[in-house]
N, C-alpha and C. Protein backbone atom coordinates (compact mmCIF):
# COMPACT_ATOMS: atom_id res chain seq x y z
N MET A 1 16.73 138.97 11.15
CA MET A 1 17.60 137.80 11.06
C MET A 1 18.41 137.87 9.77
N PRO A 2 19.74 137.61 9.84
CA PRO A 2 20.52 137.60 8.62
C PRO A 2 19.98 136.53 7.67
N GLU A 3 20.26 136.69 6.37
CA GLU A 3 19.75 135.72 5.42
C GLU A 3 20.23 134.31 5.75
N ARG A 4 21.50 134.19 6.18
CA ARG A 4 22.04 132.87 6.50
C ARG A 4 22.76 132.94 7.85
N PRO A 5 22.02 132.83 8.97
CA PRO A 5 22.66 132.92 10.28
C PRO A 5 23.56 131.72 10.57
N ALA A 6 23.41 130.65 9.79
CA ALA A 6 24.23 129.44 9.97
C ALA A 6 24.04 128.60 8.72
N ASP A 7 24.89 127.61 8.53
CA ASP A 7 24.69 126.67 7.42
C ASP A 7 23.49 125.77 7.69
N ALA A 8 23.16 125.56 8.96
CA ALA A 8 21.98 124.79 9.35
C ALA A 8 21.65 125.11 10.80
N VAL A 9 20.37 125.03 11.15
CA VAL A 9 19.93 125.17 12.54
C VAL A 9 19.32 123.84 12.96
N LEU A 10 19.85 123.30 14.04
CA LEU A 10 19.47 121.98 14.53
C LEU A 10 18.66 122.14 15.82
N PHE A 11 17.42 121.74 15.79
CA PHE A 11 16.52 121.95 16.91
C PHE A 11 16.30 120.67 17.72
N ASP A 12 16.45 120.80 19.03
CA ASP A 12 15.86 119.83 19.94
C ASP A 12 14.35 119.97 19.81
N MET A 13 13.61 118.98 20.25
CA MET A 13 12.14 119.05 20.14
C MET A 13 11.48 119.29 21.48
N ASP A 14 11.63 118.33 22.41
CA ASP A 14 10.91 118.39 23.68
C ASP A 14 11.46 119.49 24.58
N GLY A 15 10.58 120.43 24.94
CA GLY A 15 11.00 121.54 25.79
C GLY A 15 11.57 122.70 25.02
N THR A 16 11.80 122.51 23.71
CA THR A 16 12.37 123.58 22.88
C THR A 16 11.34 124.10 21.90
N LEU A 17 10.75 123.23 21.10
CA LEU A 17 9.71 123.62 20.15
C LEU A 17 8.32 123.28 20.66
N VAL A 18 8.22 122.24 21.45
CA VAL A 18 6.94 121.86 22.06
C VAL A 18 7.13 121.67 23.55
N ASP A 19 6.12 122.04 24.30
CA ASP A 19 6.22 122.01 25.77
C ASP A 19 5.83 120.62 26.27
N THR A 20 6.79 119.68 26.13
CA THR A 20 6.49 118.30 26.49
C THR A 20 7.35 117.77 27.63
N GLU A 21 8.28 118.57 28.13
CA GLU A 21 9.15 118.06 29.20
C GLU A 21 8.32 117.63 30.40
N GLY A 22 7.28 118.41 30.73
CA GLY A 22 6.41 118.04 31.84
C GLY A 22 5.66 116.75 31.58
N LEU A 23 5.24 116.56 30.30
CA LEU A 23 4.53 115.34 29.93
C LEU A 23 5.45 114.13 30.04
N TRP A 24 6.72 114.30 29.64
CA TRP A 24 7.69 113.21 29.74
C TRP A 24 7.95 112.86 31.20
N TRP A 25 8.06 113.88 32.04
CA TRP A 25 8.28 113.63 33.47
C TRP A 25 7.09 112.89 34.06
N GLN A 26 5.87 113.30 33.69
CA GLN A 26 4.68 112.60 34.17
C GLN A 26 4.69 111.13 33.75
N ALA A 27 5.06 110.88 32.49
CA ALA A 27 5.10 109.51 31.98
C ALA A 27 6.14 108.69 32.75
N ALA A 28 7.32 109.27 32.93
CA ALA A 28 8.39 108.58 33.65
C ALA A 28 7.99 108.31 35.10
N ALA A 29 7.34 109.31 35.73
CA ALA A 29 6.92 109.15 37.12
C ALA A 29 5.86 108.06 37.25
N SER A 30 4.98 108.00 36.26
CA SER A 30 3.93 106.98 36.28
C SER A 30 4.54 105.57 36.16
N VAL A 31 5.47 105.42 35.23
CA VAL A 31 6.11 104.10 35.06
C VAL A 31 6.97 103.77 36.27
N ALA A 32 7.68 104.76 36.79
CA ALA A 32 8.49 104.53 37.99
C ALA A 32 7.61 104.09 39.15
N GLY A 33 6.43 104.71 39.26
CA GLY A 33 5.49 104.33 40.33
C GLY A 33 5.06 102.88 40.22
N SER A 34 4.91 102.40 38.98
CA SER A 34 4.52 101.00 38.79
C SER A 34 5.64 100.05 39.21
N LEU A 35 6.86 100.60 39.29
CA LEU A 35 8.01 99.81 39.73
C LEU A 35 8.29 99.99 41.23
N GLY A 36 7.43 100.76 41.88
CA GLY A 36 7.56 100.95 43.32
C GLY A 36 8.54 102.02 43.73
N ARG A 37 8.82 102.98 42.84
CA ARG A 37 9.71 104.07 43.22
C ARG A 37 9.10 105.40 42.83
N ALA A 38 9.43 106.43 43.59
CA ALA A 38 8.93 107.78 43.32
C ALA A 38 10.08 108.65 42.82
N LEU A 39 9.87 109.33 41.71
CA LEU A 39 10.91 110.20 41.18
C LEU A 39 10.97 111.49 41.98
N THR A 40 12.19 111.99 42.18
CA THR A 40 12.41 113.26 42.85
C THR A 40 13.30 114.12 41.97
N ALA A 41 13.58 115.33 42.43
CA ALA A 41 14.43 116.24 41.66
C ALA A 41 15.81 115.63 41.41
N ALA A 42 16.26 114.77 42.30
CA ALA A 42 17.57 114.14 42.14
C ALA A 42 17.61 113.22 40.92
N ASP A 43 16.44 112.76 40.47
CA ASP A 43 16.38 111.87 39.32
C ASP A 43 16.37 112.63 37.99
N ALA A 44 16.11 113.94 38.04
CA ALA A 44 15.93 114.71 36.81
C ALA A 44 17.08 114.57 35.81
N PRO A 45 18.36 114.65 36.22
CA PRO A 45 19.43 114.53 35.23
C PRO A 45 19.46 113.20 34.49
N HIS A 46 18.83 112.18 35.09
CA HIS A 46 18.83 110.85 34.48
C HIS A 46 17.58 110.60 33.64
N VAL A 47 16.67 111.57 33.65
CA VAL A 47 15.38 111.41 32.97
C VAL A 47 15.18 112.49 31.91
N THR A 48 15.40 113.74 32.28
CA THR A 48 15.14 114.86 31.38
C THR A 48 16.16 114.93 30.26
N GLY A 49 15.66 114.97 29.04
CA GLY A 49 16.53 115.06 27.87
C GLY A 49 17.18 113.76 27.47
N ARG A 50 16.83 112.68 28.14
CA ARG A 50 17.42 111.37 27.86
C ARG A 50 16.53 110.56 26.92
N THR A 51 17.13 109.55 26.30
CA THR A 51 16.35 108.67 25.45
C THR A 51 15.46 107.76 26.29
N VAL A 52 14.48 107.16 25.63
CA VAL A 52 13.61 106.20 26.31
C VAL A 52 14.43 105.04 26.87
N GLY A 53 15.37 104.54 26.06
CA GLY A 53 16.19 103.41 26.50
C GLY A 53 17.04 103.74 27.71
N ASP A 54 17.65 104.93 27.69
CA ASP A 54 18.49 105.33 28.83
C ASP A 54 17.64 105.50 30.09
N THR A 55 16.47 106.11 29.93
CA THR A 55 15.59 106.31 31.08
C THR A 55 15.10 104.97 31.62
N ALA A 56 14.74 104.06 30.72
CA ALA A 56 14.28 102.73 31.15
C ALA A 56 15.38 102.00 31.91
N ALA A 57 16.61 102.08 31.38
CA ALA A 57 17.73 101.41 32.06
C ALA A 57 17.95 102.00 33.45
N TYR A 58 17.78 103.31 33.57
CA TYR A 58 17.94 103.96 34.87
C TYR A 58 16.84 103.52 35.84
N LEU A 59 15.61 103.42 35.35
CA LEU A 59 14.49 103.07 36.22
C LEU A 59 14.57 101.62 36.71
N VAL A 60 15.12 100.73 35.89
CA VAL A 60 15.16 99.32 36.30
C VAL A 60 16.45 98.97 37.03
N ASP A 61 17.38 99.90 37.10
CA ASP A 61 18.64 99.63 37.79
C ASP A 61 18.36 99.20 39.23
N GLY A 62 18.79 98.02 39.56
CA GLY A 62 18.59 97.50 40.92
C GLY A 62 17.26 96.81 41.13
N ALA A 63 16.39 96.87 40.10
CA ALA A 63 15.09 96.20 40.23
C ALA A 63 15.20 94.84 39.55
N GLY A 64 15.44 93.82 40.32
CA GLY A 64 15.66 92.48 39.77
C GLY A 64 14.45 91.94 39.03
N GLY A 65 14.72 91.29 37.90
CA GLY A 65 13.66 90.63 37.16
C GLY A 65 12.79 91.53 36.32
N VAL A 66 13.13 92.81 36.22
CA VAL A 66 12.33 93.74 35.43
C VAL A 66 13.02 93.96 34.09
N SER A 67 12.28 93.83 33.01
CA SER A 67 12.83 93.98 31.67
C SER A 67 12.93 95.45 31.28
N ALA A 68 14.12 95.89 30.91
CA ALA A 68 14.30 97.27 30.45
C ALA A 68 13.51 97.51 29.17
N ASP A 69 13.43 96.51 28.31
CA ASP A 69 12.67 96.66 27.07
C ASP A 69 11.19 96.87 27.37
N GLY A 70 10.68 96.13 28.34
CA GLY A 70 9.28 96.30 28.72
C GLY A 70 9.01 97.67 29.30
N VAL A 71 9.94 98.16 30.11
CA VAL A 71 9.80 99.49 30.70
C VAL A 71 9.89 100.55 29.61
N ALA A 72 10.77 100.36 28.62
CA ALA A 72 10.89 101.31 27.52
C ALA A 72 9.58 101.40 26.74
N SER A 73 8.96 100.27 26.49
CA SER A 73 7.67 100.26 25.79
C SER A 73 6.60 100.98 26.60
N ALA A 74 6.60 100.74 27.91
CA ALA A 74 5.62 101.41 28.78
C ALA A 74 5.85 102.92 28.80
N LEU A 75 7.10 103.33 28.84
CA LEU A 75 7.43 104.76 28.81
C LEU A 75 6.95 105.41 27.52
N THR A 76 7.22 104.75 26.40
CA THR A 76 6.82 105.30 25.10
C THR A 76 5.32 105.47 25.01
N GLU A 77 4.58 104.46 25.44
CA GLU A 77 3.12 104.53 25.36
C GLU A 77 2.56 105.58 26.32
N ALA A 78 3.12 105.64 27.53
CA ALA A 78 2.65 106.63 28.51
C ALA A 78 2.91 108.05 28.02
N PHE A 79 4.06 108.25 27.37
CA PHE A 79 4.40 109.56 26.83
C PHE A 79 3.50 109.89 25.64
N ALA A 80 3.31 108.93 24.75
CA ALA A 80 2.47 109.15 23.57
C ALA A 80 1.05 109.54 23.96
N GLU A 81 0.52 108.88 24.98
CA GLU A 81 -0.83 109.20 25.48
C GLU A 81 -0.94 110.66 25.86
N ARG A 82 0.05 111.13 26.57
CA ARG A 82 0.04 112.51 27.05
C ARG A 82 0.27 113.50 25.91
N VAL A 83 1.12 113.13 24.95
CA VAL A 83 1.37 114.01 23.81
C VAL A 83 0.10 114.16 22.96
N ARG A 84 -0.63 113.08 22.80
CA ARG A 84 -1.86 113.13 21.99
C ARG A 84 -2.88 114.10 22.57
N THR A 85 -2.92 114.22 23.89
CA THR A 85 -3.98 115.01 24.53
C THR A 85 -3.49 116.33 25.13
N GLY A 86 -2.19 116.46 25.39
CA GLY A 86 -1.73 117.63 26.13
C GLY A 86 -0.60 118.41 25.48
N LEU A 87 -0.41 118.24 24.16
CA LEU A 87 0.72 118.89 23.49
C LEU A 87 0.48 120.38 23.30
N THR A 88 1.48 121.19 23.68
CA THR A 88 1.43 122.63 23.47
C THR A 88 2.68 123.06 22.70
N VAL A 89 2.48 123.81 21.63
CA VAL A 89 3.61 124.35 20.87
C VAL A 89 4.16 125.57 21.61
N VAL A 90 5.47 125.65 21.74
CA VAL A 90 6.09 126.78 22.42
C VAL A 90 5.82 128.05 21.64
N PRO A 91 5.35 129.11 22.30
CA PRO A 91 5.09 130.37 21.59
C PRO A 91 6.32 130.86 20.83
N GLY A 92 6.09 131.25 19.59
CA GLY A 92 7.19 131.75 18.77
C GLY A 92 7.84 130.69 17.89
N ALA A 93 7.55 129.41 18.16
CA ALA A 93 8.18 128.34 17.37
C ALA A 93 7.78 128.39 15.90
N PRO A 94 6.48 128.48 15.58
CA PRO A 94 6.12 128.52 14.15
C PRO A 94 6.73 129.72 13.42
N GLU A 95 6.77 130.86 14.12
CA GLU A 95 7.32 132.07 13.50
C GLU A 95 8.81 131.93 13.23
N LEU A 96 9.55 131.36 14.19
CA LEU A 96 10.98 131.16 14.01
C LEU A 96 11.26 130.19 12.87
N LEU A 97 10.52 129.09 12.82
CA LEU A 97 10.72 128.12 11.76
C LEU A 97 10.38 128.73 10.40
N ALA A 98 9.35 129.56 10.34
CA ALA A 98 8.98 130.22 9.08
C ALA A 98 10.06 131.20 8.64
N GLU A 99 10.65 131.91 9.59
CA GLU A 99 11.74 132.84 9.25
C GLU A 99 12.93 132.10 8.65
N LEU A 100 13.28 130.98 9.25
CA LEU A 100 14.42 130.20 8.75
C LEU A 100 14.12 129.65 7.35
N ALA A 101 12.89 129.20 7.14
CA ALA A 101 12.51 128.70 5.82
C ALA A 101 12.59 129.81 4.79
N ALA A 102 12.11 131.01 5.16
CA ALA A 102 12.16 132.14 4.23
C ALA A 102 13.59 132.55 3.89
N ALA A 103 14.50 132.35 4.86
CA ALA A 103 15.90 132.70 4.65
C ALA A 103 16.68 131.58 3.96
N GLY A 104 16.01 130.46 3.72
CA GLY A 104 16.67 129.36 3.03
C GLY A 104 17.67 128.61 3.89
N VAL A 105 17.47 128.64 5.21
CA VAL A 105 18.39 127.96 6.12
C VAL A 105 17.90 126.53 6.37
N PRO A 106 18.71 125.52 6.08
CA PRO A 106 18.29 124.14 6.37
C PRO A 106 18.04 123.94 7.86
N THR A 107 17.04 123.15 8.18
CA THR A 107 16.72 122.87 9.58
C THR A 107 16.62 121.36 9.79
N ALA A 108 17.03 120.94 10.97
CA ALA A 108 16.90 119.54 11.35
C ALA A 108 16.30 119.46 12.74
N LEU A 109 15.53 118.41 12.97
CA LEU A 109 15.02 118.11 14.30
C LEU A 109 15.92 117.02 14.86
N VAL A 110 16.51 117.28 16.02
CA VAL A 110 17.45 116.33 16.63
C VAL A 110 16.93 116.04 18.03
N THR A 111 16.26 114.90 18.17
CA THR A 111 15.52 114.64 19.40
C THR A 111 15.88 113.29 20.01
N ALA A 112 15.76 113.22 21.33
CA ALA A 112 15.95 111.96 22.04
C ALA A 112 14.69 111.12 22.01
N SER A 113 13.59 111.68 21.53
CA SER A 113 12.33 110.93 21.48
C SER A 113 12.34 109.93 20.33
N PRO A 114 11.59 108.84 20.48
CA PRO A 114 11.47 107.89 19.37
C PRO A 114 10.67 108.49 18.22
N ARG A 115 10.83 107.92 17.03
CA ARG A 115 10.18 108.46 15.84
C ARG A 115 8.66 108.42 15.96
N SER A 116 8.13 107.47 16.70
CA SER A 116 6.68 107.40 16.86
C SER A 116 6.15 108.66 17.55
N ILE A 117 6.92 109.21 18.48
CA ILE A 117 6.53 110.45 19.14
C ILE A 117 6.70 111.63 18.20
N VAL A 118 7.80 111.64 17.45
CA VAL A 118 8.05 112.72 16.49
C VAL A 118 6.89 112.84 15.51
N GLU A 119 6.37 111.70 15.06
CA GLU A 119 5.28 111.71 14.09
C GLU A 119 4.00 112.32 14.67
N LEU A 120 3.83 112.25 15.99
CA LEU A 120 2.69 112.90 16.63
C LEU A 120 2.88 114.41 16.71
N VAL A 121 4.14 114.83 16.80
CA VAL A 121 4.44 116.26 17.01
C VAL A 121 4.54 117.04 15.70
N LEU A 122 5.12 116.45 14.68
CA LEU A 122 5.42 117.19 13.44
C LEU A 122 4.21 117.93 12.84
N PRO A 123 3.03 117.31 12.78
CA PRO A 123 1.90 118.03 12.19
C PRO A 123 1.55 119.32 12.94
N ARG A 124 1.85 119.36 14.22
CA ARG A 124 1.53 120.54 15.03
C ARG A 124 2.51 121.69 14.76
N LEU A 125 3.70 121.36 14.26
CA LEU A 125 4.71 122.40 14.02
C LEU A 125 4.54 123.05 12.65
N GLY A 126 3.95 122.33 11.71
CA GLY A 126 3.69 122.91 10.40
C GLY A 126 4.93 123.35 9.66
N HIS A 127 6.01 122.59 9.80
CA HIS A 127 7.28 122.96 9.16
C HIS A 127 7.90 121.73 8.54
N ALA A 128 8.44 121.89 7.34
CA ALA A 128 9.10 120.77 6.66
C ALA A 128 10.59 120.79 6.99
N PHE A 129 10.97 120.02 8.00
CA PHE A 129 12.39 119.90 8.35
C PHE A 129 13.13 119.17 7.23
N ASP A 130 14.35 119.59 6.99
CA ASP A 130 15.16 118.91 5.99
C ASP A 130 15.59 117.52 6.46
N LEU A 131 15.58 117.33 7.76
CA LEU A 131 16.07 116.08 8.33
C LEU A 131 15.50 115.91 9.73
N VAL A 132 15.22 114.66 10.09
CA VAL A 132 14.83 114.32 11.46
C VAL A 132 15.76 113.23 11.97
N ILE A 133 16.43 113.52 13.08
CA ILE A 133 17.24 112.51 13.78
C ILE A 133 16.50 112.18 15.07
N ALA A 134 16.01 110.94 15.15
CA ALA A 134 15.27 110.50 16.34
C ALA A 134 16.11 109.48 17.11
N ASP A 135 15.55 108.99 18.20
CA ASP A 135 16.26 108.08 19.09
C ASP A 135 16.87 106.89 18.35
N GLU A 136 16.12 106.35 17.38
CA GLU A 136 16.55 105.14 16.70
C GLU A 136 17.73 105.35 15.74
N ASP A 137 18.07 106.59 15.46
CA ASP A 137 19.02 106.87 14.38
C ASP A 137 20.49 106.85 14.77
N THR A 138 20.78 106.79 16.05
CA THR A 138 22.17 106.72 16.50
C THR A 138 22.30 105.68 17.61
N ALA A 139 23.49 105.11 17.72
CA ALA A 139 23.72 104.09 18.75
C ALA A 139 23.67 104.69 20.15
N ARG A 140 24.13 105.92 20.26
CA ARG A 140 24.11 106.62 21.56
C ARG A 140 23.32 107.91 21.42
N GLY A 141 22.52 108.19 22.44
CA GLY A 141 21.75 109.43 22.44
C GLY A 141 22.41 110.51 23.26
N LYS A 142 21.72 111.64 23.39
CA LYS A 142 22.21 112.73 24.23
C LYS A 142 22.40 112.19 25.65
N PRO A 143 23.43 112.59 26.39
CA PRO A 143 24.34 113.72 26.19
C PRO A 143 25.54 113.44 25.29
N HIS A 144 25.60 112.26 24.65
CA HIS A 144 26.67 111.99 23.70
C HIS A 144 26.46 112.86 22.45
N PRO A 145 27.51 113.18 21.74
CA PRO A 145 27.39 114.07 20.57
C PRO A 145 26.82 113.40 19.34
N ASP A 146 26.63 112.08 19.37
CA ASP A 146 26.27 111.32 18.18
C ASP A 146 25.08 111.88 17.40
N PRO A 147 23.96 112.25 18.04
CA PRO A 147 22.82 112.74 17.24
C PRO A 147 23.15 114.00 16.45
N TYR A 148 23.89 114.92 17.06
CA TYR A 148 24.23 116.16 16.36
C TYR A 148 25.28 115.92 15.28
N LEU A 149 26.22 115.04 15.54
CA LEU A 149 27.20 114.70 14.52
C LEU A 149 26.53 114.03 13.33
N GLU A 150 25.56 113.17 13.59
CA GLU A 150 24.85 112.49 12.50
C GLU A 150 24.02 113.47 11.69
N ALA A 151 23.39 114.43 12.37
CA ALA A 151 22.61 115.44 11.65
C ALA A 151 23.51 116.26 10.74
N ALA A 152 24.64 116.70 11.24
CA ALA A 152 25.57 117.49 10.42
C ALA A 152 26.09 116.66 9.24
N ARG A 153 26.37 115.39 9.51
CA ARG A 153 26.88 114.52 8.45
C ARG A 153 25.85 114.36 7.33
N ARG A 154 24.61 114.12 7.71
CA ARG A 154 23.58 113.90 6.69
C ARG A 154 23.25 115.19 5.94
N LEU A 155 23.38 116.32 6.60
CA LEU A 155 23.14 117.61 5.93
C LEU A 155 24.36 118.08 5.14
N ARG A 156 25.48 117.37 5.34
CA ARG A 156 26.74 117.69 4.65
C ARG A 156 27.24 119.08 5.01
N VAL A 157 27.16 119.39 6.30
CA VAL A 157 27.70 120.65 6.82
C VAL A 157 28.60 120.34 8.01
N ALA A 158 29.55 121.22 8.26
CA ALA A 158 30.43 121.03 9.42
C ALA A 158 29.67 121.38 10.69
N PRO A 159 29.83 120.60 11.76
CA PRO A 159 29.15 120.95 13.01
C PRO A 159 29.42 122.38 13.48
N ALA A 160 30.64 122.84 13.27
CA ALA A 160 30.99 124.19 13.71
C ALA A 160 30.21 125.27 12.96
N ARG A 161 29.63 124.91 11.83
CA ARG A 161 28.85 125.86 11.03
C ARG A 161 27.35 125.70 11.29
N CYS A 162 27.01 124.93 12.34
CA CYS A 162 25.61 124.73 12.73
C CYS A 162 25.32 125.45 14.04
N VAL A 163 24.09 125.90 14.18
CA VAL A 163 23.58 126.39 15.45
C VAL A 163 22.61 125.35 15.99
N ALA A 164 22.82 124.91 17.22
CA ALA A 164 21.91 123.97 17.88
C ALA A 164 21.08 124.74 18.90
N VAL A 165 19.79 124.45 18.94
CA VAL A 165 18.87 125.10 19.87
C VAL A 165 18.40 124.04 20.86
N GLU A 166 18.72 124.23 22.13
CA GLU A 166 18.50 123.22 23.16
C GLU A 166 17.92 123.82 24.43
N ASP A 167 17.39 122.94 25.29
CA ASP A 167 16.89 123.42 26.59
C ASP A 167 17.42 122.63 27.77
N SER A 168 17.83 121.37 27.56
CA SER A 168 18.21 120.53 28.70
C SER A 168 19.73 120.42 28.82
N PRO A 169 20.23 120.18 30.02
CA PRO A 169 21.68 119.98 30.18
C PRO A 169 22.23 118.86 29.31
N ALA A 170 21.47 117.76 29.17
CA ALA A 170 21.94 116.65 28.34
C ALA A 170 22.05 117.08 26.89
N GLY A 171 21.09 117.84 26.42
CA GLY A 171 21.11 118.30 25.03
C GLY A 171 22.22 119.31 24.78
N VAL A 172 22.39 120.23 25.72
CA VAL A 172 23.46 121.21 25.58
C VAL A 172 24.82 120.52 25.55
N ALA A 173 24.99 119.52 26.41
CA ALA A 173 26.24 118.77 26.44
C ALA A 173 26.49 118.07 25.12
N ALA A 174 25.44 117.48 24.54
CA ALA A 174 25.57 116.76 23.26
C ALA A 174 25.98 117.71 22.14
N ALA A 175 25.27 118.83 22.03
CA ALA A 175 25.56 119.78 20.96
C ALA A 175 26.93 120.41 21.11
N THR A 176 27.31 120.72 22.34
CA THR A 176 28.62 121.31 22.60
C THR A 176 29.72 120.33 22.25
N ALA A 177 29.55 119.07 22.66
CA ALA A 177 30.56 118.05 22.36
C ALA A 177 30.69 117.81 20.86
N ALA A 178 29.60 118.02 20.13
CA ALA A 178 29.64 117.84 18.67
C ALA A 178 30.34 119.00 17.98
N GLY A 179 30.51 120.11 18.69
CA GLY A 179 31.19 121.27 18.11
C GLY A 179 30.26 122.32 17.54
N CYS A 180 28.96 122.20 17.84
CA CYS A 180 27.99 123.19 17.35
C CYS A 180 28.01 124.44 18.22
N ARG A 181 27.60 125.56 17.64
CA ARG A 181 27.30 126.74 18.44
C ARG A 181 25.93 126.50 19.06
N VAL A 182 25.78 126.73 20.36
CA VAL A 182 24.55 126.36 21.06
C VAL A 182 23.82 127.60 21.56
N LEU A 183 22.53 127.66 21.27
CA LEU A 183 21.64 128.66 21.86
C LEU A 183 20.71 127.93 22.82
N VAL A 184 20.66 128.38 24.06
CA VAL A 184 19.87 127.71 25.08
C VAL A 184 18.55 128.45 25.27
N VAL A 185 17.47 127.70 25.23
CA VAL A 185 16.14 128.27 25.42
C VAL A 185 15.98 128.68 26.88
N ASP A 186 15.69 129.94 27.09
CA ASP A 186 15.46 130.45 28.44
C ASP A 186 14.02 130.13 28.84
N PRO A 187 13.81 129.58 30.06
CA PRO A 187 12.45 129.20 30.44
C PRO A 187 11.47 130.37 30.47
N VAL A 188 11.97 131.59 30.63
CA VAL A 188 11.08 132.76 30.66
C VAL A 188 10.95 133.38 29.28
N ARG A 189 12.09 133.67 28.63
CA ARG A 189 12.06 134.35 27.33
C ARG A 189 11.84 133.39 26.17
N GLY A 190 12.18 132.13 26.39
CA GLY A 190 11.91 131.12 25.38
C GLY A 190 12.53 131.42 24.03
N LEU A 191 11.73 131.22 22.98
CA LEU A 191 12.24 131.33 21.63
C LEU A 191 12.46 132.78 21.18
N ALA A 192 11.92 133.74 21.91
CA ALA A 192 12.21 135.14 21.59
C ALA A 192 13.70 135.39 21.74
N GLN A 193 14.28 134.82 22.78
CA GLN A 193 15.72 134.97 23.00
C GLN A 193 16.51 134.26 21.90
N VAL A 194 16.03 133.09 21.49
CA VAL A 194 16.71 132.35 20.42
C VAL A 194 16.65 133.12 19.11
N ARG A 195 15.50 133.70 18.81
CA ARG A 195 15.37 134.48 17.57
C ARG A 195 16.35 135.65 17.57
N ALA A 196 16.49 136.28 18.73
CA ALA A 196 17.45 137.38 18.84
C ALA A 196 18.88 136.87 18.67
N GLY A 197 19.15 135.69 19.24
CA GLY A 197 20.48 135.11 19.12
C GLY A 197 20.83 134.76 17.69
N LEU A 198 19.85 134.26 16.94
CA LEU A 198 20.09 133.93 15.54
C LEU A 198 20.28 135.18 14.70
N ARG A 199 19.56 136.23 15.03
CA ARG A 199 19.75 137.49 14.29
C ARG A 199 21.18 138.01 14.46
N GLY A 200 21.74 137.75 15.66
CA GLY A 200 23.09 138.24 15.92
C GLY A 200 24.18 137.24 15.57
N ALA A 201 23.77 136.05 15.04
CA ALA A 201 24.77 135.03 14.74
C ALA A 201 25.59 135.44 13.54
N PRO A 202 26.92 135.24 13.60
CA PRO A 202 27.74 135.54 12.44
C PRO A 202 27.44 134.59 11.31
N PRO A 203 27.75 134.93 10.07
CA PRO A 203 27.52 134.03 8.95
C PRO A 203 28.12 132.66 9.22
N HIS A 204 27.38 131.62 8.85
CA HIS A 204 27.82 130.23 9.01
C HIS A 204 27.87 129.83 10.48
N GLY A 205 27.36 130.63 11.39
CA GLY A 205 27.32 130.23 12.80
C GLY A 205 28.67 130.07 13.41
N GLY A 206 29.70 130.73 12.86
CA GLY A 206 31.06 130.57 13.37
C GLY A 206 31.31 131.33 14.63
């Protein structure tokens, strides 16, 4: 890996550094079931990579008398339960984060999850991120560019000089709209492919 593959590397969390996408889907399916609906593959774009609030709003759409805030709370708790007992770190994540730290590259976690979930995950990653942007930190979440723009702003780097590492269509859309260079986690090769991509990244991620 070059000493400085980018001015900063901005990581998605769920499905990128930790294998939690399945846990989130289980949580959403459980809450949806309590509302009398079953999630199918057609629902995935409205659930995967989305914030708790966006997912709650989607689940209660058309369900009269159901509070989106109440559903959001149920989603958060159902997800937290599963993260506490079933969290798996993606192979290669600790090594990649250690390489970036050794190279002096600033890193940020840019996630659609609430900060309460982030706090459950961070100890498992064993890495001191320079910045964490969670669901509560921007008015709009992914697929809007706001989380990545806010991360770049707080790190005082241009988005175009950042590399974003993502796995979901919503996340890729957000990072692309923000102007970041995007590396997509391959479901088979995972972070090995990302590490290779960072090694080949031009200085400043341009």
